[in-house]
């Protein structure tokens, strides 16, 4: 068992059932997501989703970390970030069978998104039926203007290597 907590500092903390802190995460995405307001996992606890005060959803891959949390090579990877609402996300969940993420906001809207790509399917109460099989149409809600951003490993900050550049006086110059 694992407990996850989302915090106003944008931090996610993963705890053992005994109350020991196992991991602390901060989102890497280029758009600051703001304080975290909601989180959920899929049924197999391979994916963690977080919702924020600024309307962003971030998808994390936690499968390898949970297989062996003591192995430092097993990282939690931030995979996808998208703006789901213009205001605070108050709840979200993954519907596994249809591969859909459902988000709710304080603006009163409930929206459907493709779980793997973050593509927008629509909102509850719309006139047309949801077309869950077509992820090729790139549409966005009227209050959101950014498409989902895939987080690539090579785009992450690398550790700074300590390189010494000794200052030497060259009297000839």
Protein backbone atom coordinates (compact mmCIF):
# COMPACT_ATOMS: atom_id res chain seq x y z
CA UNK A 1 0.00 0.00 0.00
CA UNK A 2 1.05 3.55 -0.73
CA UNK A 3 -0.37 6.89 0.32
CA UNK A 4 -0.03 9.98 -1.86
CA UNK A 5 -0.57 13.56 -0.78
CA UNK A 6 -0.77 16.71 -2.90
CA UNK A 7 0.31 20.05 -1.48
CA UNK A 8 -0.05 23.77 -2.07
CA UNK A 9 3.70 23.96 -2.75
CA UNK A 10 3.10 21.87 -5.97
CA UNK A 11 4.82 18.98 -4.20
CA UNK A 12 3.59 15.39 -4.24
CA UNK A 13 4.65 13.17 -1.36
CA UNK A 14 4.48 9.38 -1.44
CA UNK A 15 4.28 7.66 1.94
CA UNK A 16 4.53 4.09 3.12
CA UNK A 17 1.57 2.77 5.09
CA UNK A 18 3.77 3.06 8.20
CA UNK A 19 4.02 6.84 7.66
CA UNK A 20 7.56 6.99 6.26
CA UNK A 21 8.22 9.45 3.44
CA UNK A 22 9.29 7.43 0.38
CA UNK A 23 9.51 10.09 -2.33
CA UNK A 24 8.93 13.79 -2.85
CA UNK A 25 8.15 15.10 -6.35
CA UNK A 26 7.85 18.47 -8.00
CA UNK A 27 6.39 18.89 -11.49
CA UNK A 28 8.94 19.61 -14.21
CA UNK A 29 6.61 20.95 -16.90
CA UNK A 30 7.42 24.36 -18.33
CA UNK A 31 4.01 25.77 -17.39
CA UNK A 32 3.80 26.21 -13.63
CA UNK A 33 0.78 24.24 -12.59
CA UNK A 34 0.18 26.04 -9.31
CA UNK A 35 -0.84 24.42 -6.02
CA UNK A 36 -2.14 20.86 -6.37
CA UNK A 37 -5.80 20.37 -5.56
CA UNK A 38 -6.65 16.80 -6.66
CA UNK A 39 -4.97 13.49 -7.37
CA UNK A 40 -5.89 9.95 -8.36
CA UNK A 41 -4.33 6.74 -9.68
CA UNK A 42 -5.45 4.10 -12.10
CA UNK A 43 -6.70 0.79 -10.72
CA UNK A 44 -3.26 -0.86 -11.07
CA UNK A 45 -1.42 2.12 -9.53
CA UNK A 46 0.82 2.56 -12.56
CA UNK A 47 -0.32 6.08 -13.36
CA UNK A 48 -0.76 9.04 -11.02
CA UNK A 49 -2.76 12.09 -12.12
CA UNK A 50 -2.68 15.45 -10.38
CA UNK A 51 -4.93 18.46 -10.85
CA UNK A 52 -3.98 22.01 -9.94
CA UNK A 53 -5.40 25.32 -8.88
CA UNK A 54 -4.56 26.76 -12.32
CA UNK A 55 -6.46 24.02 -14.18
CA UNK A 56 -3.54 21.81 -15.25
CA UNK A 57 -3.49 18.01 -15.26
CA UNK A 58 -0.16 16.18 -14.99
CA UNK A 59 0.25 12.46 -15.69
CA UNK A 60 3.06 10.58 -13.93
CA UNK A 61 4.31 7.04 -14.51
CA UNK A 62 4.90 5.48 -11.08
CA UNK A 63 4.98 1.78 -12.06
CA UNK A 64 8.76 1.18 -11.95
CA UNK A 65 9.12 3.09 -8.68
CA UNK A 66 6.46 0.97 -6.98
CA UNK A 67 8.03 -2.29 -8.17
CA UNK A 68 11.18 -1.53 -6.17
CA UNK A 69 11.10 1.77 -4.28
CA UNK A 70 14.56 1.17 -2.78
CA UNK A 71 16.26 1.06 -6.20
CA UNK A 72 17.39 4.61 -7.02
CA UNK A 73 17.29 3.84 -10.77
CA UNK A 74 13.51 3.39 -10.65
CA UNK A 75 12.33 6.93 -11.12
CA UNK A 76 8.88 8.42 -11.24
CA UNK A 77 8.49 9.98 -14.67
CA UNK A 78 6.34 12.96 -15.51
CA UNK A 79 4.88 12.07 -18.91
CA UNK A 80 2.22 14.57 -19.91
CA UNK A 81 0.85 17.95 -18.89
CA UNK A 82 -2.21 19.73 -20.23
CA UNK A 83 -4.50 22.60 -19.33
CA UNK A 84 -7.92 21.11 -18.65
CA UNK A 85 -9.74 24.12 -17.18
CA UNK A 86 -9.24 27.85 -16.82
CA UNK A 87 -9.90 27.55 -13.07
CA UNK A 88 -9.15 25.16 -10.19
CA UNK A 89 -9.53 21.41 -10.72
CA UNK A 90 -11.56 20.03 -7.81
CA UNK A 91 -11.73 16.37 -8.80
CA UNK A 92 -10.52 13.90 -11.41
CA UNK A 93 -10.55 10.18 -12.06
CA UNK A 94 -9.48 7.68 -14.71
CA UNK A 95 -12.07 5.48 -16.39
CA UNK A 96 -9.87 2.53 -17.34
CA UNK A 97 -12.15 0.65 -19.69
CA UNK A 98 -12.56 3.61 -22.06
CA UNK A 99 -9.09 5.10 -21.35
CA UNK A 100 -10.64 8.42 -20.35
CA UNK A 101 -9.84 11.02 -17.70
CA UNK A 102 -12.78 12.93 -16.23
CA UNK A 103 -12.04 16.34 -14.69
CA UNK A 104 -14.24 18.73 -12.72
CA UNK A 105 -13.58 22.39 -11.97
CA UNK A 106 -15.00 25.16 -9.82
CA UNK A 107 -16.27 26.73 -13.06
CA UNK A 108 -18.99 24.06 -12.97
CA UNK A 109 -17.74 22.09 -15.97
CA UNK A 110 -17.01 18.35 -16.15
CA UNK A 111 -14.79 17.39 -19.10
CA UNK A 112 -13.53 14.22 -20.77
CA UNK A 113 -9.94 13.71 -21.97
CA UNK A 114 -8.00 10.87 -23.56
CA UNK A 115 -5.89 9.38 -20.73
CA UNK A 116 -2.73 8.77 -22.77
CA UNK A 117 -2.64 11.89 -24.96
CA UNK A 118 -4.64 14.52 -23.09
CA UNK A 119 -6.84 15.11 -26.17
CA UNK A 120 -10.16 16.78 -25.41
CA UNK A 121 -13.35 14.79 -26.10
CA UNK A 122 -15.91 17.24 -24.77
CA UNK A 123 -17.93 18.20 -21.72
CA UNK A 124 -20.95 16.81 -19.95
CA UNK A 125 -24.10 18.53 -21.19
CA UNK A 126 -22.92 19.11 -24.77
CA UNK A 127 -25.36 18.56 -27.62
CA UNK A 128 -23.23 16.06 -29.56
CA UNK A 129 -22.31 12.54 -28.45
CA UNK A 130 -18.80 11.81 -27.19
CA UNK A 131 -16.65 10.24 -29.91
CA UNK A 132 -14.11 8.36 -27.78
CA UNK A 133 -12.51 6.41 -30.61
CA UNK A 134 -11.33 9.46 -32.61
CA UNK A 135 -8.21 11.00 -31.07
CA UNK A 136 -7.01 12.52 -34.34
CA UNK A 137 -9.14 15.67 -34.07
CA UNK A 138 -7.20 18.22 -32.07
CA UNK A 139 -9.89 20.32 -30.46
CA UNK A 140 -9.77 22.33 -27.26
CA UNK A 141 -12.38 23.77 -24.92
CA UNK A 142 -13.17 27.43 -25.54
CA UNK A 143 -11.36 28.61 -22.39
CA UNK A 144 -8.12 26.66 -22.99
CA UNK A 145 -5.63 27.47 -25.76
CA UNK A 146 -2.66 25.14 -25.12
CA UNK A 147 -2.38 21.62 -26.48
CA UNK A 148 -1.00 18.85 -24.21
CA UNK A 149 2.77 18.88 -23.71
CA UNK A 150 4.64 15.57 -23.72
CA UNK A 151 7.45 15.63 -21.18
CA UNK A 152 10.57 14.06 -22.67
CA UNK A 153 13.38 12.64 -20.55
CA UNK A 154 16.08 14.53 -22.45
CA UNK A 155 14.37 17.85 -21.74
CA UNK A 156 14.82 17.49 -18.01
CA UNK A 157 17.44 19.47 -16.19
CA UNK A 158 20.75 17.66 -16.02
CA UNK A 159 22.98 17.80 -13.02
CA UNK A 160 25.56 20.50 -13.24
CA UNK A 161 29.04 19.14 -13.56
CA UNK A 162 31.68 20.86 -11.54
CA UNK A 163 34.23 22.21 -13.95
CA UNK A 164 37.11 24.31 -12.76
CA UNK A 165 38.24 27.22 -14.86
CA UNK A 166 41.27 28.55 -13.04
CA UNK A 167 41.94 32.19 -13.59
CA UNK A 168 45.42 32.66 -14.94
CA UNK A 169 47.06 35.95 -15.69
CA UNK A 170 48.65 36.04 -19.11
CA UNK A 171 51.03 39.01 -19.04
CA UNK A 172 51.73 38.75 -22.78
CA UNK A 173 48.13 39.65 -23.61
